[in-house]
Protein backbone atom coordinates (compact mmCIF):
# COMPACT_ATOMS: atom_id res chain seq x y z
CA MET A 1 -13.61 -6.10 32.14
CA SER A 2 -10.25 -4.39 32.65
CA LEU A 3 -7.00 -5.69 31.21
CA ARG A 4 -3.88 -6.16 33.30
CA LEU A 5 -0.54 -5.00 31.89
CA GLN A 6 2.88 -6.10 33.06
CA ALA A 7 6.41 -6.73 31.82
CA ILE A 8 6.78 -10.16 30.20
CA THR A 9 9.72 -12.32 29.15
CA ARG A 10 11.15 -12.33 25.65
CA ASP A 11 9.95 -15.92 25.19
CA GLU A 12 6.38 -15.00 26.15
CA HIS A 13 6.54 -12.05 23.78
CA LEU A 14 7.91 -14.10 20.88
CA ASP A 15 5.44 -16.96 21.42
CA PHE A 16 2.55 -14.50 21.18
CA VAL A 17 3.92 -12.95 17.96
CA ARG A 18 4.31 -16.44 16.48
CA SER A 19 0.64 -17.13 17.25
CA ARG A 20 -0.42 -14.17 15.09
CA PRO A 21 -0.60 -13.97 11.27
CA SER A 22 2.04 -11.25 11.52
CA ALA A 23 3.37 -8.26 13.43
CA SER A 24 5.81 -5.49 12.61
CA HIS A 25 9.49 -6.46 12.60
CA MET A 26 9.87 -3.57 15.07
CA GLN A 27 7.59 -5.34 17.54
CA VAL A 28 9.61 -8.52 18.00
CA PRO A 29 11.89 -8.85 21.05
CA SER A 30 15.11 -8.89 19.01
CA TRP A 31 14.44 -5.40 17.66
CA GLY A 32 15.37 -4.04 21.07
CA ASP A 33 18.87 -5.49 20.58
CA VAL A 34 19.22 -3.52 17.34
CA LYS A 35 18.82 -0.24 19.27
CA PRO A 36 21.54 -0.09 21.96
CA ASP A 37 20.81 3.56 22.79
CA TRP A 38 17.32 2.58 23.91
CA ARG A 39 16.29 0.40 26.86
CA PRO A 40 13.83 -2.25 25.62
CA GLU A 41 10.99 -3.82 27.58
CA SER A 42 8.41 -6.39 26.53
CA LEU A 43 4.88 -5.57 27.69
CA GLY A 44 1.97 -7.99 27.93
CA TRP A 45 -1.78 -7.47 28.27
CA PHE A 46 -3.69 -10.15 30.19
CA ASP A 47 -7.45 -10.69 30.29
CA GLY A 48 -9.53 -11.64 33.35
CA GLU A 49 -8.65 -15.32 32.91
CA GLY A 50 -4.91 -14.60 32.85
CA ARG A 51 -4.47 -15.18 29.12
CA LEU A 52 -1.95 -13.11 27.21
CA VAL A 53 -4.00 -11.17 24.65
CA GLY A 54 -1.60 -8.47 23.45
CA VAL A 55 2.09 -7.54 23.48
CA GLY A 56 4.28 -4.54 22.79
CA LEU A 57 7.96 -3.78 22.49
CA VAL A 58 8.63 -0.41 24.13
CA LEU A 59 11.96 1.36 23.68
CA MET A 60 12.95 3.86 26.40
CA ARG A 61 15.38 6.70 25.68
CA PRO A 62 16.44 9.39 28.18
CA LEU A 63 15.94 13.07 27.40
CA PRO A 64 19.39 14.76 27.35
CA LYS A 65 20.42 15.88 30.88
CA VAL A 66 17.15 14.66 32.43
CA LYS A 67 16.45 11.23 33.98
CA ARG A 68 13.09 10.98 32.23
CA TYR A 69 12.34 8.87 29.20
CA LEU A 70 10.70 8.96 25.81
CA ALA A 71 8.80 5.68 25.51
CA TYR A 72 8.45 4.52 21.90
CA LEU A 73 6.47 1.60 20.46
CA PRO A 74 7.37 1.62 16.74
CA GLU A 75 4.54 0.21 14.59
CA GLY A 76 2.87 -1.10 17.71
CA PRO A 77 1.73 -2.28 20.15
CA VAL A 78 0.24 -5.60 18.95
CA ILE A 79 -3.26 -5.27 20.40
CA ASP A 80 -6.90 -5.26 19.24
CA TRP A 81 -6.89 -1.83 17.60
CA HIS A 82 -10.50 -2.14 16.51
CA ALA A 83 -11.82 -2.64 20.05
CA ALA A 84 -14.60 -0.16 20.87
CA ASP A 85 -13.07 0.33 24.33
CA LEU A 86 -9.53 1.19 23.24
CA GLU A 87 -8.96 2.95 26.57
CA ARG A 88 -9.00 -0.47 28.24
CA TRP A 89 -5.82 -1.28 26.30
CA LEU A 90 -4.00 2.04 26.28
CA ASP A 91 -4.71 3.46 29.75
CA PRO A 92 -2.85 0.64 31.57
CA MET A 93 0.07 1.14 29.18
CA LEU A 94 0.25 4.86 29.93
CA ALA A 95 0.09 4.21 33.68
CA HIS A 96 2.84 1.57 33.47
CA LEU A 97 5.16 3.74 31.40
CA LYS A 98 4.58 6.79 33.59
CA GLY A 99 5.70 4.63 36.51
CA ARG A 100 8.83 3.79 34.51
CA GLY A 101 9.69 7.50 34.26
CA ALA A 102 8.30 8.21 30.79
CA PHE A 103 7.41 11.84 30.03
CA THR A 104 5.99 11.09 26.56
CA VAL A 105 4.68 7.92 24.94
CA LYS A 106 4.97 7.60 21.16
CA MET A 107 3.37 4.76 19.22
CA GLY A 108 2.53 3.82 15.64
CA PRO A 109 -0.82 2.01 15.36
CA PRO A 110 -0.54 -0.65 12.60
CA VAL A 111 -3.90 0.45 11.19
CA VAL A 112 -4.46 1.35 7.50
CA LEU A 113 -6.68 4.36 6.72
CA ARG A 114 -6.96 4.10 2.94
CA ARG A 115 -5.38 2.50 -0.11
CA TRP A 116 -4.65 3.51 -3.71
CA SER A 117 -4.28 0.93 -6.48
CA ALA A 118 -1.16 1.11 -8.66
CA ASP A 119 -3.31 2.59 -11.44
CA ALA A 120 -4.69 5.24 -9.09
CA VAL A 121 -1.16 6.21 -8.01
CA LYS A 122 -0.02 6.41 -11.65
CA ALA A 123 -3.02 8.59 -12.49
CA ALA A 124 -2.24 10.89 -9.56
CA ILE A 125 1.41 11.22 -10.68
CA ALA A 126 0.27 12.06 -14.22
CA ASP A 127 -2.27 14.66 -13.05
CA PRO A 128 -0.57 18.11 -13.15
CA ALA A 129 -3.13 19.42 -10.65
CA ALA A 130 -2.30 16.74 -8.04
CA ARG A 131 0.27 17.88 -5.49
CA ARG A 132 0.09 15.05 -2.95
CA LEU A 133 -1.03 11.44 -3.02
CA GLY A 134 -3.17 12.14 0.06
CA ASP A 135 -5.24 14.60 -2.02
CA ALA A 136 -6.03 12.00 -4.69
CA GLU A 137 -9.19 9.88 -4.52
CA ALA A 138 -8.38 6.64 -2.71
CA THR A 139 -9.42 3.28 -4.18
CA THR A 140 -10.59 1.98 -0.78
CA TYR A 141 -11.25 3.52 2.62
CA GLU A 142 -11.21 1.83 6.03
CA PRO A 143 -14.03 3.49 8.05
CA VAL A 144 -13.02 1.68 11.24
CA ALA A 145 -9.55 3.25 11.02
CA PHE A 146 -11.06 6.75 11.04
CA GLU A 147 -12.98 5.75 14.17
CA VAL A 148 -9.71 4.60 15.79
CA ALA A 149 -8.14 7.99 15.04
CA GLU A 150 -11.12 9.79 16.59
CA ARG A 151 -10.96 7.61 19.72
CA LEU A 152 -7.26 8.41 20.11
CA ARG A 153 -7.94 12.15 19.86
CA ARG A 154 -10.67 11.92 22.49
CA MET A 155 -8.25 10.11 24.80
CA GLY A 156 -5.70 12.94 24.48
CA TRP A 157 -3.34 11.40 21.93
CA GLN A 158 -1.83 13.78 19.35
CA ARG A 159 -0.78 13.02 15.77
CA ALA A 160 3.00 13.31 15.78
CA ASP A 161 3.64 13.45 12.03
CA ALA A 162 0.81 15.67 10.86
CA ASP A 163 3.20 18.26 9.44
CA SER A 164 5.45 15.86 7.54
CA GLU A 165 6.41 17.45 4.22
CA ASP A 166 6.66 14.34 2.08
CA GLY A 167 5.07 11.46 3.99
CA PHE A 168 8.36 10.62 5.73
CA ALA A 169 8.36 11.68 9.37
CA ALA A 170 11.19 11.43 11.91
CA GLY A 171 9.82 8.03 12.94
CA GLN A 172 8.27 5.38 10.68
CA PRO A 173 6.71 6.11 7.26
CA ARG A 174 2.99 6.86 7.09
CA TYR A 175 2.75 5.93 3.40
CA VAL A 176 4.01 2.58 2.14
CA PHE A 177 3.70 0.48 -1.00
CA GLN A 178 2.62 -3.15 -0.71
CA VAL A 179 2.03 -6.02 -3.13
CA PRO A 180 -0.67 -8.45 -1.89
CA PHE A 181 0.41 -12.10 -2.23
CA ALA A 182 -2.43 -13.90 -0.43
CA GLY A 183 -4.25 -16.30 -2.74
CA ARG A 184 -2.09 -15.38 -5.75
CA SER A 185 0.25 -17.61 -7.72
CA LEU A 186 3.74 -16.42 -8.60
CA GLU A 187 2.64 -16.19 -12.23
CA GLU A 188 -0.23 -13.89 -11.24
CA ILE A 189 2.17 -11.70 -9.27
CA HIS A 190 4.50 -11.58 -12.28
CA GLN A 191 1.60 -10.55 -14.51
CA GLY A 192 0.85 -7.75 -12.06
CA LEU A 193 4.24 -6.16 -12.76
CA ASN A 194 4.19 -3.44 -15.38
CA GLN A 195 5.77 -4.00 -18.80
CA GLN A 196 8.95 -2.12 -17.87
CA TRP A 197 9.51 -4.32 -14.81
CA ARG A 198 8.96 -7.54 -16.79
CA ARG A 199 11.23 -6.30 -19.58
CA ASN A 200 13.96 -5.35 -17.09
CA ILE A 201 13.80 -8.72 -15.30
CA LYS A 202 14.20 -10.47 -18.66
CA LYS A 203 17.03 -8.11 -19.66
CA ALA A 204 18.91 -8.80 -16.40
CA ASP A 205 18.57 -12.54 -16.91
CA LYS A 206 19.80 -12.29 -20.50
CA ALA A 207 22.77 -10.13 -19.41
CA GLY A 208 23.82 -12.79 -16.90
CA VAL A 209 22.91 -11.03 -13.65
CA LYS A 210 22.96 -13.58 -10.84
CA VAL A 211 21.19 -12.87 -7.55
CA VAL A 212 22.49 -14.85 -4.57
CA ARG A 213 21.83 -14.88 -0.84
CA GLY A 214 24.60 -13.50 1.34
CA GLY A 215 25.49 -13.70 5.02
CA TYR A 216 27.11 -11.71 7.79
CA ASP A 217 30.48 -11.65 6.01
CA ASP A 218 28.86 -10.00 2.97
CA LEU A 219 27.55 -7.01 4.93
CA PRO A 220 30.66 -4.86 4.17
CA ALA A 221 30.02 -5.39 0.43
CA PHE A 222 26.38 -4.39 0.94
CA TYR A 223 27.52 -1.37 2.94
CA GLU A 224 29.88 -0.12 0.24
CA LEU A 225 26.93 0.08 -2.17
CA TYR A 226 24.66 1.49 0.51
CA ALA A 227 27.08 4.35 1.25
CA GLU A 228 27.25 5.12 -2.48
CA THR A 229 23.44 5.11 -2.65
CA ALA A 230 23.25 7.49 0.33
CA GLY A 231 25.50 9.98 -1.41
CA ARG A 232 23.53 9.73 -4.64
CA ASP A 233 20.07 9.94 -3.05
CA ARG A 234 20.98 12.53 -0.41
CA PHE A 235 20.30 10.71 2.86
CA ILE A 236 22.48 10.10 5.91
CA PRO A 237 23.59 6.45 5.97
CA ARG A 238 23.52 4.28 9.06
CA PRO A 239 26.95 2.93 10.07
CA LEU A 240 28.06 -0.59 9.16
CA PRO A 241 27.90 -1.81 12.82
CA TYR A 242 24.14 -1.06 12.79
CA PHE A 243 23.58 -3.65 10.05
CA GLN A 244 25.95 -6.13 11.68
CA ARG A 245 24.08 -5.77 14.96
CA MET A 246 20.76 -6.07 13.12
CA TRP A 247 21.86 -9.29 11.40
CA THR A 248 23.19 -10.85 14.62
CA ALA A 249 20.12 -9.95 16.70
CA LEU A 250 17.39 -10.83 14.21
CA THR A 251 18.86 -14.08 12.86
CA ALA A 252 19.54 -15.31 16.41
CA GLU A 253 15.80 -15.02 17.06
CA ASP A 254 14.81 -16.62 13.75
CA PRO A 255 17.21 -17.68 10.94
CA ASP A 256 14.80 -16.28 8.33
CA ARG A 257 14.02 -13.02 10.14
CA MET A 258 16.62 -11.18 8.02
CA ARG A 259 18.08 -12.09 4.65
CA LEU A 260 20.69 -10.39 2.48
CA TYR A 261 20.64 -10.57 -1.33
CA LEU A 262 23.43 -9.59 -3.74
CA ALA A 263 23.18 -9.07 -7.52
CA HIS A 264 26.41 -10.12 -9.31
CA HIS A 265 27.43 -9.37 -12.87
CA ASP A 266 30.79 -10.26 -14.40
CA GLY A 267 32.39 -10.62 -10.97
CA ASP A 268 31.07 -7.28 -9.72
CA ILE A 269 28.34 -6.69 -7.12
CA LEU A 270 25.95 -4.12 -8.61
CA ALA A 271 23.07 -4.16 -6.11
CA ALA A 272 22.21 -5.53 -2.67
CA ALA A 273 19.15 -5.54 -0.45
CA THR A 274 17.92 -6.80 2.90
CA MET A 275 14.61 -8.59 3.46
CA LEU A 276 12.80 -9.02 6.79
CA THR A 277 10.07 -11.54 7.62
CA VAL A 278 7.60 -11.86 10.50
CA GLY A 279 4.81 -14.36 9.91
CA GLY A 280 3.16 -13.70 6.57
CA HIS A 281 4.53 -10.17 6.20
CA VAL A 282 7.76 -9.67 4.23
CA TRP A 283 9.53 -6.32 3.97
CA TYR A 284 12.10 -5.01 1.52
CA SER A 285 14.08 -3.23 4.20
CA TYR A 286 17.27 -1.59 2.85
CA GLY A 287 18.41 -1.36 -0.75
CA ALA A 288 21.72 -0.35 -2.28
CA SER A 289 23.14 -0.12 -5.79
CA THR A 290 26.01 1.31 -7.77
CA SER A 291 25.73 3.64 -10.75
CA ARG A 292 27.89 1.23 -12.75
CA ARG A 293 26.22 -0.89 -15.46
CA ARG A 294 22.70 0.11 -14.55
CA GLU A 295 21.64 -0.99 -18.03
CA VAL A 296 21.72 -4.66 -16.92
CA GLN A 297 18.90 -3.85 -14.46
CA PRO A 298 20.22 -5.43 -11.23
CA ASN A 299 17.58 -3.68 -9.07
CA ASN A 300 14.63 -5.31 -10.82
CA ALA A 301 16.47 -8.65 -10.75
CA ILE A 302 17.11 -8.50 -7.01
CA GLN A 303 13.54 -7.45 -6.22
CA TRP A 304 12.06 -10.24 -8.31
CA ARG A 305 14.28 -12.82 -6.59
CA MET A 306 13.18 -11.47 -3.19
CA MET A 307 9.52 -11.52 -4.23
CA THR A 308 9.92 -15.09 -5.50
CA ASP A 309 11.50 -16.22 -2.23
CA ALA A 310 8.87 -14.35 -0.19
CA HIS A 311 6.13 -16.18 -2.11
CA GLU A 312 7.88 -19.50 -1.45
CA LEU A 313 7.93 -18.62 2.29
CA GLY A 314 4.14 -18.25 2.19
CA ALA A 315 4.05 -14.46 2.42
CA THR A 316 0.66 -12.78 2.31
CA VAL A 317 2.14 -9.37 1.50
CA TYR A 318 5.42 -8.05 0.10
CA ASP A 319 6.05 -4.62 1.59
CA PHE A 320 8.26 -2.07 -0.18
CA ARG A 321 8.13 0.15 2.92
CA GLY A 322 8.05 3.93 2.72
CA ILE A 323 7.01 6.07 -0.24
CA THR A 324 6.75 9.81 -0.61
CA ASP A 325 3.37 11.56 -0.43
CA THR A 326 4.53 14.39 -2.68
CA LEU A 327 3.87 14.23 -6.44
CA ASP A 328 6.16 17.14 -7.25
CA GLU A 329 8.24 16.28 -10.34
CA THR A 330 11.24 18.09 -8.86
CA ASN A 331 11.28 15.85 -5.76
CA HIS A 332 14.02 13.20 -6.02
CA LEU A 333 11.83 10.71 -4.14
CA LEU A 334 9.28 10.56 -6.98
CA GLY A 335 11.54 8.24 -9.00
CA LEU A 336 11.54 5.75 -6.13
CA LEU A 337 7.73 5.92 -5.98
CA ARG A 338 7.51 5.18 -9.72
CA PHE A 339 9.84 2.21 -9.31
CA LYS A 340 7.76 0.68 -6.52
CA VAL A 341 4.44 1.33 -8.31
CA GLY A 342 5.80 -0.67 -11.27
CA ALA A 343 5.59 -3.80 -9.11
CA GLY A 344 1.79 -3.62 -9.08
CA GLY A 345 0.04 -3.68 -5.73
CA GLU A 346 -1.16 -0.63 -3.83
CA ALA A 347 -0.12 2.37 -1.78
CA ALA A 348 -1.39 2.38 1.80
CA GLU A 349 -1.70 5.19 4.32
CA TYR A 350 -1.35 4.21 7.97
CA LEU A 351 -2.65 6.19 10.93
CA GLY A 352 0.85 7.56 11.46
CA GLU A 353 2.60 8.05 14.78
CA TRP A 354 0.85 9.44 17.85
CA ASP A 355 2.15 11.05 21.06
CA PHE A 356 0.71 11.17 24.54
CA PRO A 357 2.45 13.85 26.66
CA LEU A 358 2.60 12.61 30.26
CA ASN A 359 4.62 15.71 31.19
CA ARG A 360 3.76 18.63 28.91
CA VAL A 361 6.79 20.74 29.83
CA LEU A 362 9.25 17.95 28.99
CA HIS A 363 7.24 17.00 25.90
CA LYS A 364 7.57 20.58 24.66
CA ALA A 365 11.29 20.49 25.42
CA LEU A 366 11.59 17.34 23.29
CA ASP A 367 9.76 19.04 20.43
CA LEU A 368 12.19 21.98 20.58
CA TYR A 369 15.20 19.64 20.75
CA MET A 370 13.99 17.64 17.72
CA ALA A 371 13.27 20.86 15.77
CA ARG A 372 16.80 22.14 16.40
CA ARG A 373 18.32 18.79 15.50
CA GLY A 374 16.37 18.70 12.24
């Protein structure tokens, strides 16, 4: 039986997300308010009895000088990805977005291909012959996910991030690090941390590091550290108004959707981080720290406070977000991978982002534009 797709209200969209164990924070209605350069629309899939069975937040952005749009569903849509007849879900979406003027549809199926335990990641890092995490033997494989990828290829979808150099594409990360919380006590999670993490948490406590929750008015303090971090780690920072808009939009939808944490020591803020929550999934979103007094270990302190609060919220997973796929010792991102692996848990590879060119000429033009911009 075919599914019917149509635009739905924000309330319908949010009610459906609330009925699920979780969904990406980029697939809630408020995420559209975070992206003012994109035109958001909530999509709903209805079965033959008129029940809402799937939703998606699509962001529409015009191609420069052309009144045609790139349609983007980051880490979505929220549908039955394991359905044997995936066309029944995606074909109506393509038809709808083509009617909206889309020339390309980009999406990020929230489907995990394989996972590596923390020990497997550490072994891969230590192996001089290993160049990429993706080349190392995975701890677990998800056969159904490989079937999903094959179905997408047969339907004409193309992997958008296949040539990513380090696991970070222009869109959302394909490789992430996650700590499972479901069915585990806080003590068990603490025991899963490596010795260095546990030692650093204790050292921070002994040194008098205090981690507190902040609010909107503390975002400039967070941003000062974030800008310093960007300079140190060689990435382009987002502007302060982005985080202010993010706070306003997400907390208006749900007071706990976004939290800000600040690590204080002797009257100085040494680290700050944001945390996002949708259902049972909690994400460490943005982190920032100063180079001052790193010996008091504010980063481990702030992460442990966030993990503790996430557990109290009933989280099933604590997500450290993106990690690099490269194991090259000269890559500055490897230190971040080591830090995240120290929390225990596992690395996960998602299906990555996929494109469907509705107009091949304009899709090619977009590719050229993005290549020049990069």
